[in-house]
Amino acid sequence: TTSERKVYEEVCQPLVQGAVKNGDRCLIIAFGQTGSGKTHTMRSSMNNVLHEIFEFNTFKSMKYYELRGDKVLDLLSNRKECTLRTDGSGNVHVVGVRSVECTSLKDAKETLNHGILLRKTRATKNNPQSSRSHGIVEFILNTGGTIQMIDLAGSEKGKDADTQTPRLIKELHLY
């Protein structure tokens, strides 16, 4: 029964403020059962983050990609396949993902919405438009801070998964 705005203000905003004002690295993850509202809430929070970043004039660029099974697909380059690499320090990098610079809030929202539309979804028993991938958006700030928002694909309860087709069950276990 909690509003999306309240979730943002209590969970996300303190982290976002650290990135915007202090150059902190911020990681926000949504996880839970399919149909619980993760993606809906994350989309609202992404828009709130953009408003805040542009309010403080700290936006540099964004990346948006999905992890689908063993593939990494760039959602800002029409699902171009990318590669994960680990450097000598153990940090993971997405090689080939496009970093998009936007000059206005409107431009940033349009870029984000383009990526959202390309994210893989499919109908399940519980949800007519269920995310079938893990979506990761990264906002890079000119303060040196970053805000990563990860929307994990839903988990299915055993009794729900039993009613799915073999293809959907296989998708659930790709993650």
N, C-alpha and C. Protein backbone atom coordinates (compact mmCIF):
# COMPACT_ATOMS: atom_id res chain seq x y z
N THR A 1 0.81 -1.21 0.00
CA THR A 1 0.00 0.00 0.00
C THR A 1 0.85 1.27 0.00
N THR A 2 2.17 1.12 0.04
CA THR A 2 3.06 2.28 0.05
C THR A 2 3.16 2.88 -1.35
N SER A 3 3.11 4.18 -1.44
CA SER A 3 3.19 4.85 -2.75
C SER A 3 4.61 4.74 -3.32
N GLU A 4 4.70 4.82 -4.64
CA GLU A 4 6.01 4.79 -5.29
C GLU A 4 6.86 5.96 -4.81
N ARG A 5 6.27 7.11 -4.64
CA ARG A 5 7.00 8.30 -4.18
C ARG A 5 7.61 8.05 -2.80
N LYS A 6 6.82 7.42 -1.91
CA LYS A 6 7.29 7.14 -0.55
C LYS A 6 8.46 6.14 -0.58
N VAL A 7 8.35 5.12 -1.43
CA VAL A 7 9.45 4.16 -1.59
C VAL A 7 10.70 4.90 -2.05
N TYR A 8 10.55 5.77 -3.04
CA TYR A 8 11.71 6.52 -3.53
C TYR A 8 12.31 7.38 -2.42
N GLU A 9 11.47 8.14 -1.74
CA GLU A 9 11.97 9.06 -0.71
C GLU A 9 12.69 8.34 0.43
N GLU A 10 12.18 7.17 0.83
CA GLU A 10 12.76 6.47 1.98
C GLU A 10 13.91 5.54 1.61
N VAL A 11 13.84 4.93 0.43
CA VAL A 11 14.84 3.93 0.07
C VAL A 11 15.91 4.50 -0.85
N CYS A 12 15.49 5.18 -1.89
CA CYS A 12 16.43 5.60 -2.94
C CYS A 12 17.05 6.97 -2.71
N GLN A 13 16.24 7.95 -2.32
CA GLN A 13 16.70 9.33 -2.28
C GLN A 13 17.94 9.56 -1.42
N PRO A 14 18.05 8.96 -0.24
CA PRO A 14 19.29 9.19 0.54
C PRO A 14 20.54 8.69 -0.21
N LEU A 15 20.42 7.58 -0.91
CA LEU A 15 21.56 7.06 -1.68
C LEU A 15 21.86 7.97 -2.87
N VAL A 16 20.81 8.39 -3.57
CA VAL A 16 20.97 9.26 -4.73
C VAL A 16 21.61 10.59 -4.30
N GLN A 17 21.18 11.12 -3.18
CA GLN A 17 21.76 12.38 -2.68
C GLN A 17 23.26 12.24 -2.43
N GLY A 18 23.68 11.08 -1.93
CA GLY A 18 25.11 10.84 -1.71
C GLY A 18 25.89 10.86 -3.01
N ALA A 19 25.31 10.29 -4.06
CA ALA A 19 25.98 10.28 -5.37
C ALA A 19 26.00 11.66 -5.98
N VAL A 20 24.87 12.36 -5.89
CA VAL A 20 24.73 13.69 -6.50
C VAL A 20 25.61 14.71 -5.79
N LYS A 21 25.60 14.71 -4.48
CA LYS A 21 26.30 15.75 -3.71
C LYS A 21 27.74 15.40 -3.36
N ASN A 22 28.03 14.09 -3.15
CA ASN A 22 29.35 13.70 -2.65
C ASN A 22 30.16 12.84 -3.61
N GLY A 23 29.58 12.48 -4.76
CA GLY A 23 30.29 11.62 -5.69
C GLY A 23 30.32 10.17 -5.26
N ASP A 24 29.37 9.75 -4.40
CA ASP A 24 29.32 8.37 -3.94
C ASP A 24 28.86 7.43 -5.05
N ARG A 25 29.14 6.15 -4.87
CA ARG A 25 28.59 5.10 -5.74
C ARG A 25 27.36 4.56 -5.04
N CYS A 26 26.28 4.43 -5.79
CA CYS A 26 25.00 4.04 -5.23
C CYS A 26 24.47 2.84 -6.01
N LEU A 27 23.98 1.84 -5.31
CA LEU A 27 23.42 0.64 -5.93
C LEU A 27 22.04 0.37 -5.33
N ILE A 28 21.03 0.32 -6.22
CA ILE A 28 19.67 0.05 -5.81
C ILE A 28 19.19 -1.19 -6.56
N ILE A 29 18.75 -2.21 -5.81
CA ILE A 29 18.33 -3.48 -6.42
C ILE A 29 16.88 -3.77 -6.04
N ALA A 30 16.08 -4.14 -7.04
CA ALA A 30 14.70 -4.58 -6.79
C ALA A 30 14.63 -6.07 -7.09
N PHE A 31 14.15 -6.86 -6.11
CA PHE A 31 14.01 -8.30 -6.31
C PHE A 31 12.73 -8.78 -5.64
N GLY A 32 12.25 -9.91 -6.11
CA GLY A 32 11.05 -10.49 -5.53
C GLY A 32 10.29 -11.30 -6.55
N GLN A 33 9.11 -11.72 -6.17
CA GLN A 33 8.29 -12.59 -7.01
C GLN A 33 7.77 -11.85 -8.24
N THR A 34 7.60 -12.58 -9.32
CA THR A 34 6.99 -12.06 -10.53
C THR A 34 5.62 -11.47 -10.19
N GLY A 35 5.35 -10.30 -10.74
CA GLY A 35 4.06 -9.67 -10.54
C GLY A 35 3.95 -8.85 -9.27
N SER A 36 5.05 -8.69 -8.53
CA SER A 36 4.99 -7.95 -7.27
C SER A 36 5.16 -6.45 -7.45
N GLY A 37 5.45 -5.99 -8.66
CA GLY A 37 5.56 -4.55 -8.92
C GLY A 37 6.97 -4.00 -8.96
N LYS A 38 7.98 -4.86 -9.01
CA LYS A 38 9.38 -4.41 -9.02
C LYS A 38 9.65 -3.45 -10.17
N THR A 39 9.36 -3.89 -11.38
CA THR A 39 9.68 -3.10 -12.57
C THR A 39 8.90 -1.80 -12.57
N HIS A 40 7.64 -1.85 -12.21
CA HIS A 40 6.81 -0.64 -12.16
C HIS A 40 7.42 0.38 -11.18
N THR A 41 7.79 -0.09 -10.00
CA THR A 41 8.38 0.79 -8.99
C THR A 41 9.75 1.30 -9.44
N MET A 42 10.55 0.45 -10.05
CA MET A 42 11.87 0.88 -10.51
C MET A 42 11.76 1.93 -11.60
N ARG A 43 10.82 1.78 -12.51
CA ARG A 43 10.67 2.77 -13.58
C ARG A 43 10.33 4.13 -12.99
N SER A 44 9.44 4.15 -12.03
CA SER A 44 9.10 5.39 -11.35
C SER A 44 10.33 5.98 -10.64
N SER A 45 11.08 5.13 -9.98
CA SER A 45 12.29 5.58 -9.27
C SER A 45 13.35 6.09 -10.24
N MET A 46 13.50 5.44 -11.40
CA MET A 46 14.46 5.92 -12.41
C MET A 46 14.12 7.34 -12.85
N ASN A 47 12.83 7.60 -13.04
CA ASN A 47 12.41 8.95 -13.42
C ASN A 47 12.68 9.95 -12.30
N ASN A 48 12.44 9.54 -11.06
CA ASN A 48 12.75 10.42 -9.92
C ASN A 48 14.24 10.71 -9.84
N VAL A 49 15.06 9.69 -10.09
CA VAL A 49 16.51 9.88 -10.09
C VAL A 49 16.91 10.90 -11.15
N LEU A 50 16.37 10.74 -12.35
CA LEU A 50 16.70 11.70 -13.42
C LEU A 50 16.32 13.12 -13.03
N HIS A 51 15.15 13.30 -12.44
CA HIS A 51 14.74 14.64 -12.00
C HIS A 51 15.76 15.21 -11.02
N GLU A 52 16.18 14.38 -10.08
CA GLU A 52 17.12 14.85 -9.06
C GLU A 52 18.48 15.17 -9.66
N ILE A 53 18.96 14.31 -10.55
CA ILE A 53 20.26 14.53 -11.18
C ILE A 53 20.25 15.84 -11.97
N PHE A 54 19.19 16.07 -12.73
CA PHE A 54 19.13 17.30 -13.53
C PHE A 54 18.87 18.52 -12.67
N GLU A 55 18.16 18.35 -11.56
CA GLU A 55 17.94 19.47 -10.63
C GLU A 55 19.26 20.00 -10.10
N PHE A 56 20.20 19.09 -9.84
CA PHE A 56 21.51 19.47 -9.31
C PHE A 56 22.57 19.60 -10.42
N ASN A 57 22.12 19.47 -11.68
CA ASN A 57 23.01 19.65 -12.84
C ASN A 57 24.25 18.76 -12.75
N THR A 58 24.04 17.48 -12.42
CA THR A 58 25.17 16.57 -12.27
C THR A 58 25.18 15.43 -13.28
N PHE A 59 24.26 15.44 -14.26
CA PHE A 59 24.18 14.34 -15.23
C PHE A 59 25.34 14.39 -16.20
N LYS A 60 25.98 13.23 -16.40
CA LYS A 60 27.03 13.11 -17.42
C LYS A 60 26.57 12.18 -18.54
N SER A 61 26.17 10.94 -18.18
CA SER A 61 25.72 10.00 -19.20
C SER A 61 24.98 8.84 -18.54
N MET A 62 24.41 7.97 -19.38
CA MET A 62 23.75 6.77 -18.86
C MET A 62 24.05 5.57 -19.75
N LYS A 63 23.99 4.41 -19.12
CA LYS A 63 24.09 3.12 -19.80
C LYS A 63 22.87 2.32 -19.36
N TYR A 64 22.38 1.47 -20.26
CA TYR A 64 21.23 0.64 -19.89
C TYR A 64 21.35 -0.66 -20.67
N TYR A 65 21.42 -1.77 -19.95
CA TYR A 65 21.56 -3.07 -20.59
C TYR A 65 20.81 -4.13 -19.80
N GLU A 66 20.63 -5.28 -20.44
CA GLU A 66 19.95 -6.38 -19.77
C GLU A 66 20.82 -7.63 -19.81
N LEU A 67 20.71 -8.41 -18.75
CA LEU A 67 21.34 -9.72 -18.68
C LEU A 67 20.23 -10.72 -18.93
N ARG A 68 20.38 -11.47 -20.02
CA ARG A 68 19.36 -12.44 -20.40
C ARG A 68 20.05 -13.77 -20.63
N GLY A 69 19.91 -14.68 -19.66
CA GLY A 69 20.64 -15.94 -19.76
C GLY A 69 22.13 -15.64 -19.72
N ASP A 70 22.84 -16.09 -20.75
CA ASP A 70 24.28 -15.84 -20.80
C ASP A 70 24.63 -14.67 -21.71
N LYS A 71 23.66 -13.84 -22.05
CA LYS A 71 23.90 -12.71 -22.95
C LYS A 71 23.74 -11.39 -22.22
N VAL A 72 24.55 -10.41 -22.65
CA VAL A 72 24.43 -9.03 -22.19
C VAL A 72 24.03 -8.22 -23.40
N LEU A 73 22.87 -7.55 -23.33
CA LEU A 73 22.34 -6.83 -24.48
C LEU A 73 22.18 -5.35 -24.14
N ASP A 74 22.77 -4.49 -24.97
CA ASP A 74 22.74 -3.05 -24.78
C ASP A 74 21.38 -2.51 -25.21
N LEU A 75 20.61 -2.00 -24.27
CA LEU A 75 19.26 -1.51 -24.56
C LEU A 75 19.26 -0.11 -25.17
N LEU A 76 20.40 0.56 -25.19
CA LEU A 76 20.49 1.87 -25.83
C LEU A 76 21.12 1.78 -27.21
N SER A 77 21.45 0.56 -27.63
CA SER A 77 21.98 0.29 -28.98
C SER A 77 21.20 -0.84 -29.63
N ASN A 78 19.88 -0.81 -29.44
CA ASN A 78 18.98 -1.77 -30.07
C ASN A 78 19.37 -3.23 -29.83
N ARG A 79 19.72 -3.51 -28.57
CA ARG A 79 20.00 -4.88 -28.10
C ARG A 79 21.30 -5.47 -28.69
N LYS A 80 22.27 -4.61 -28.98
CA LYS A 80 23.57 -5.10 -29.44
C LYS A 80 24.20 -5.93 -28.32
N GLU A 81 24.77 -7.08 -28.71
CA GLU A 81 25.38 -7.96 -27.71
C GLU A 81 26.71 -7.38 -27.22
N CYS A 82 26.91 -7.43 -25.91
CA CYS A 82 28.13 -6.95 -25.27
C CYS A 82 28.80 -8.11 -24.53
N THR A 83 29.94 -7.84 -23.95
CA THR A 83 30.71 -8.87 -23.26
C THR A 83 31.07 -8.42 -21.85
N LEU A 84 31.03 -9.35 -20.89
CA LEU A 84 31.48 -9.07 -19.54
C LEU A 84 32.95 -9.46 -19.42
N ARG A 85 33.75 -8.58 -18.83
CA ARG A 85 35.17 -8.85 -18.60
C ARG A 85 35.52 -8.43 -17.18
N THR A 86 36.43 -9.17 -16.58
CA THR A 86 36.92 -8.84 -15.25
C THR A 86 38.34 -8.34 -15.36
N ASP A 87 38.62 -7.20 -14.71
CA ASP A 87 39.98 -6.65 -14.76
C ASP A 87 40.84 -7.27 -13.66
N GLY A 88 42.09 -6.87 -13.58
CA GLY A 88 43.04 -7.42 -12.62
C GLY A 88 42.66 -7.19 -11.17
N SER A 89 41.81 -6.20 -10.92
CA SER A 89 41.37 -5.90 -9.56
C SER A 89 40.07 -6.62 -9.20
N GLY A 90 39.55 -7.42 -10.14
CA GLY A 90 38.32 -8.15 -9.89
C GLY A 90 37.05 -7.37 -10.21
N ASN A 91 37.19 -6.18 -10.79
CA ASN A 91 36.03 -5.39 -11.17
C ASN A 91 35.48 -5.88 -12.51
N VAL A 92 34.16 -5.99 -12.59
CA VAL A 92 33.52 -6.46 -13.81
C VAL A 92 33.14 -5.25 -14.67
N HIS A 93 33.44 -5.33 -15.97
CA HIS A 93 33.13 -4.27 -16.92
C HIS A 93 32.30 -4.84 -18.06
N VAL A 94 31.36 -4.06 -18.55
CA VAL A 94 30.57 -4.44 -19.71
C VAL A 94 31.24 -3.80 -20.92
N VAL A 95 31.88 -4.63 -21.73
CA VAL A 95 32.61 -4.15 -22.91
C VAL A 95 31.64 -4.02 -24.07
N GLY A 96 31.63 -2.83 -24.67
CA GLY A 96 30.78 -2.59 -25.83
C GLY A 96 29.47 -1.92 -25.53
N VAL A 97 29.16 -1.68 -24.25
CA VAL A 97 27.91 -1.01 -23.91
C VAL A 97 28.07 0.49 -24.20
N ARG A 98 27.03 1.07 -24.74
CA ARG A 98 27.05 2.47 -25.15
C ARG A 98 26.74 3.37 -23.95
N SER A 99 27.51 4.43 -23.80
CA SER A 99 27.26 5.45 -22.80
C SER A 99 26.67 6.65 -23.53
N VAL A 100 25.45 7.04 -23.17
CA VAL A 100 24.73 8.09 -23.88
C VAL A 100 24.71 9.37 -23.05
N GLU A 101 25.18 10.45 -23.65
CA GLU A 101 25.11 11.75 -23.01
C GLU A 101 23.81 12.44 -23.41
N CYS A 102 23.15 13.06 -22.47
CA CYS A 102 21.89 13.75 -22.73
C CYS A 102 22.02 15.18 -22.20
N THR A 103 21.50 16.14 -22.95
CA THR A 103 21.65 17.54 -22.56
C THR A 103 20.46 18.09 -21.80
N SER A 104 19.37 17.33 -21.73
CA SER A 104 18.19 17.81 -21.02
C SER A 104 17.48 16.64 -20.34
N LEU A 105 16.64 16.98 -19.39
CA LEU A 105 15.84 15.96 -18.71
C LEU A 105 14.94 15.25 -19.71
N LYS A 106 14.35 16.00 -20.61
CA LYS A 106 13.48 15.41 -21.63
C LYS A 106 14.25 14.39 -22.48
N ASP A 107 15.44 14.75 -22.91
CA ASP A 107 16.28 13.86 -23.72
C ASP A 107 16.64 12.60 -22.93
N ALA A 108 16.98 12.77 -21.65
CA ALA A 108 17.35 11.62 -20.81
C ALA A 108 16.16 10.69 -20.61
N LYS A 109 14.97 11.25 -20.39
CA LYS A 109 13.78 10.42 -20.22
C LYS A 109 13.45 9.65 -21.50
N GLU A 110 13.58 10.31 -22.64
CA GLU A 110 13.33 9.64 -23.92
C GLU A 110 14.32 8.51 -24.16
N THR A 111 15.58 8.74 -23.82
CA THR A 111 16.62 7.72 -23.97
C THR A 111 16.31 6.53 -23.07
N LEU A 112 15.97 6.80 -21.82
CA LEU A 112 15.63 5.74 -20.87
C LEU A 112 14.41 4.96 -21.35
N ASN A 113 13.38 5.66 -21.80
CA ASN A 113 12.16 4.99 -22.27
C ASN A 113 12.42 4.12 -23.50
N HIS A 114 13.33 4.54 -24.37
CA HIS A 114 13.72 3.71 -25.52
C HIS A 114 14.27 2.37 -25.03
N GLY A 115 15.15 2.43 -24.03
CA GLY A 115 15.71 1.20 -23.46
C GLY A 115 14.66 0.35 -22.79
N ILE A 116 13.75 0.98 -22.06
CA ILE A 116 12.68 0.24 -21.37
C ILE A 116 11.84 -0.54 -22.37
N LEU A 117 11.53 0.06 -23.50
CA LEU A 117 10.72 -0.61 -24.52
C LEU A 117 11.43 -1.82 -25.13
N LEU A 118 12.76 -1.81 -25.13
CA LEU A 118 13.51 -2.93 -25.71
C LEU A 118 13.75 -4.07 -24.75
N ARG A 119 13.50 -3.86 -23.47
CA ARG A 119 13.73 -4.92 -22.48
C ARG A 119 12.78 -6.08 -22.73
N LYS A 120 13.28 -7.29 -22.62
CA LYS A 120 12.52 -8.50 -22.92
C LYS A 120 11.44 -8.74 -21.87
N THR A 121 10.21 -8.88 -22.35
CA THR A 121 9.08 -9.22 -21.48
C THR A 121 8.27 -10.33 -22.15
N ARG A 122 7.47 -11.00 -21.34
CA ARG A 122 6.58 -12.04 -21.85
C ARG A 122 5.47 -12.24 -20.81
N ALA A 123 4.32 -12.65 -21.28
CA ALA A 123 3.20 -12.91 -20.37
C ALA A 123 3.46 -14.19 -19.59
N THR A 124 3.14 -14.16 -18.30
CA THR A 124 3.17 -15.35 -17.45
C THR A 124 1.79 -15.48 -16.80
N LYS A 125 1.60 -16.51 -16.01
CA LYS A 125 0.32 -16.71 -15.33
C LYS A 125 -0.03 -15.52 -14.44
N ASN A 126 0.98 -14.96 -13.78
CA ASN A 126 0.74 -13.90 -12.80
C ASN A 126 0.82 -12.49 -13.36
N ASN A 127 1.36 -12.33 -14.56
CA ASN A 127 1.66 -11.00 -15.04
C ASN A 127 1.58 -10.96 -16.57
N PRO A 128 0.79 -10.08 -17.14
CA PRO A 128 0.67 -10.03 -18.60
C PRO A 128 1.92 -9.50 -19.29
N GLN A 129 2.81 -8.84 -18.54
CA GLN A 129 4.04 -8.32 -19.13
C GLN A 129 5.17 -8.46 -18.12
N SER A 130 5.69 -9.67 -18.00
CA SER A 130 6.72 -9.99 -17.02
C SER A 130 8.11 -9.80 -17.61
N SER A 131 8.98 -9.14 -16.85
CA SER A 131 10.38 -8.99 -17.27
C SER A 131 11.04 -10.35 -17.31
N ARG A 132 11.71 -10.66 -18.40
CA ARG A 132 12.37 -11.95 -18.55
C ARG A 132 13.88 -11.79 -18.53
N SER A 133 14.36 -10.68 -18.01
CA SER A 133 15.78 -10.41 -17.94
C SER A 133 16.04 -9.55 -16.71
N HIS A 134 17.32 -9.41 -16.38
CA HIS A 134 17.74 -8.47 -15.35
C HIS A 134 18.09 -7.18 -16.07
N GLY A 135 17.45 -6.08 -15.69
CA GLY A 135 17.73 -4.79 -16.31
C GLY A 135 18.63 -3.96 -15.42
N ILE A 136 19.67 -3.37 -16.02
CA ILE A 136 20.62 -2.55 -15.26
C ILE A 136 20.78 -1.21 -15.95
N VAL A 137 20.45 -0.14 -15.24
CA VAL A 137 20.69 1.20 -15.74
C VAL A 137 21.75 1.83 -14.85
N GLU A 138 22.66 2.54 -15.48
CA GLU A 138 23.72 3.22 -14.73
C GLU A 138 23.74 4.68 -15.15
N PHE A 139 23.59 5.55 -14.16
CA PHE A 139 23.69 6.98 -14.38
C PHE A 139 25.07 7.42 -13.90
N ILE A 140 25.85 8.01 -14.80
CA ILE A 140 27.18 8.48 -14.47
C ILE A 140 27.09 9.98 -14.26
N LEU A 141 27.62 10.45 -13.15
CA LEU A 141 27.49 11.85 -12.77
C LEU A 141 28.82 12.60 -12.94
N ASN A 142 28.72 13.88 -13.21
CA ASN A 142 29.94 14.67 -13.35
C ASN A 142 30.60 14.98 -12.01
N THR A 143 29.99 14.53 -10.92
CA THR A 143 30.61 14.64 -9.59
C THR A 143 31.55 13.47 -9.33
N GLY A 144 31.58 12.50 -10.26
CA GLY A 144 32.34 11.28 -10.06
C GLY A 144 31.48 10.16 -9.50
N GLY A 145 30.27 10.47 -9.09
CA GLY A 145 29.36 9.48 -8.54
C GLY A 145 28.68 8.66 -9.63
N THR A 146 28.16 7.52 -9.23
CA THR A 146 27.36 6.68 -10.12
C THR A 146 26.14 6.17 -9.36
N ILE A 147 25.08 5.98 -10.11
CA ILE A 147 23.86 5.40 -9.55
C ILE A 147 23.51 4.21 -10.43
N GLN A 148 23.60 3.01 -9.88
CA GLN A 148 23.21 1.81 -10.61
C GLN A 148 21.89 1.33 -10.04
N MET A 149 20.95 1.04 -10.94
CA MET A 149 19.64 0.52 -10.55
C MET A 149 19.44 -0.80 -11.27
N ILE A 150 19.24 -1.86 -10.49
CA ILE A 150 19.11 -3.20 -11.04
C ILE A 150 17.71 -3.72 -10.74
N ASP A 151 17.00 -4.05 -11.81
CA ASP A 151 15.66 -4.62 -11.71
C ASP A 151 15.78 -6.10 -12.09
N LEU A 152 15.81 -6.96 -11.08
CA LEU A 152 15.98 -8.38 -11.32
C LEU A 152 14.71 -9.00 -11.88
N ALA A 153 14.88 -9.97 -12.74
CA ALA A 153 13.73 -10.74 -13.24
C ALA A 153 13.07 -11.40 -12.04
N GLY A 154 11.78 -11.59 -12.12
CA GLY A 154 11.04 -12.14 -10.99
C GLY A 154 11.36 -13.59 -10.71
N SER A 155 11.19 -13.94 -9.46
CA SER A 155 11.28 -15.34 -9.07
C SER A 155 9.86 -15.88 -9.02
N GLU A 156 9.71 -17.14 -9.29
CA GLU A 156 8.38 -17.77 -9.30
C GLU A 156 8.26 -18.69 -8.09
N LYS A 157 7.12 -18.68 -7.48
CA LYS A 157 6.85 -19.68 -6.45
C LYS A 157 6.73 -21.02 -7.15
N GLY A 158 7.11 -22.08 -6.47
CA GLY A 158 7.06 -23.41 -7.06
C GLY A 158 5.71 -23.74 -7.67
N LYS A 159 4.62 -23.44 -6.94
CA LYS A 159 3.29 -23.76 -7.46
C LYS A 159 2.96 -22.95 -8.71
N ASP A 160 3.51 -21.74 -8.84
CA ASP A 160 3.29 -20.93 -10.04
C ASP A 160 4.12 -21.45 -11.20
N ALA A 161 5.36 -21.81 -10.93
CA ALA A 161 6.24 -22.31 -11.99
C ALA A 161 5.70 -23.61 -12.57
N ASP A 162 5.03 -24.41 -11.74
CA ASP A 162 4.48 -25.68 -12.23
C ASP A 162 3.43 -25.49 -13.32
N THR A 163 2.78 -24.33 -13.34
CA THR A 163 1.74 -24.08 -14.33
C THR A 163 2.28 -23.42 -15.60
N GLN A 164 3.56 -23.13 -15.65
CA GLN A 164 4.15 -22.47 -16.81
C GLN A 164 4.56 -23.49 -17.86
N THR A 165 4.72 -23.01 -19.08
CA THR A 165 5.17 -23.88 -20.15
C THR A 165 6.62 -24.25 -19.91
N PRO A 166 7.11 -25.35 -20.51
CA PRO A 166 8.52 -25.71 -20.35
C PRO A 166 9.45 -24.57 -20.79
N ARG A 167 9.08 -23.83 -21.81
CA ARG A 167 9.91 -22.72 -22.28
C ARG A 167 10.05 -21.63 -21.21
N LEU A 168 8.93 -21.26 -20.56
CA LEU A 168 9.00 -20.25 -19.51
C LEU A 168 9.77 -20.75 -18.30
N ILE A 169 9.60 -22.03 -17.96
CA ILE A 169 10.35 -22.58 -16.83
C ILE A 169 11.85 -22.52 -17.13
N LYS A 170 12.24 -22.86 -18.36
CA LYS A 170 13.65 -22.79 -18.73
C LYS A 170 14.16 -21.36 -18.59
N GLU A 171 13.37 -20.37 -19.02
CA GLU A 171 13.77 -18.97 -18.89
C GLU A 171 14.03 -18.62 -17.45
N LEU A 172 13.20 -19.12 -16.53
CA LEU A 172 13.35 -18.80 -15.12
C LEU A 172 14.66 -19.32 -14.56
N HIS A 173 15.18 -20.38 -15.11
CA HIS A 173 16.40 -20.97 -14.59
C HIS A 173 17.65 -20.50 -15.32
N LEU A 174 17.50 -19.58 -16.27
CA LEU A 174 18.66 -19.03 -16.95
C LEU A 174 19.39 -18.01 -16.09
N TYR A 175 18.78 -17.60 -15.01
CA TYR A 175 19.35 -16.50 -14.23
C TYR A 175 20.06 -17.03 -13.04
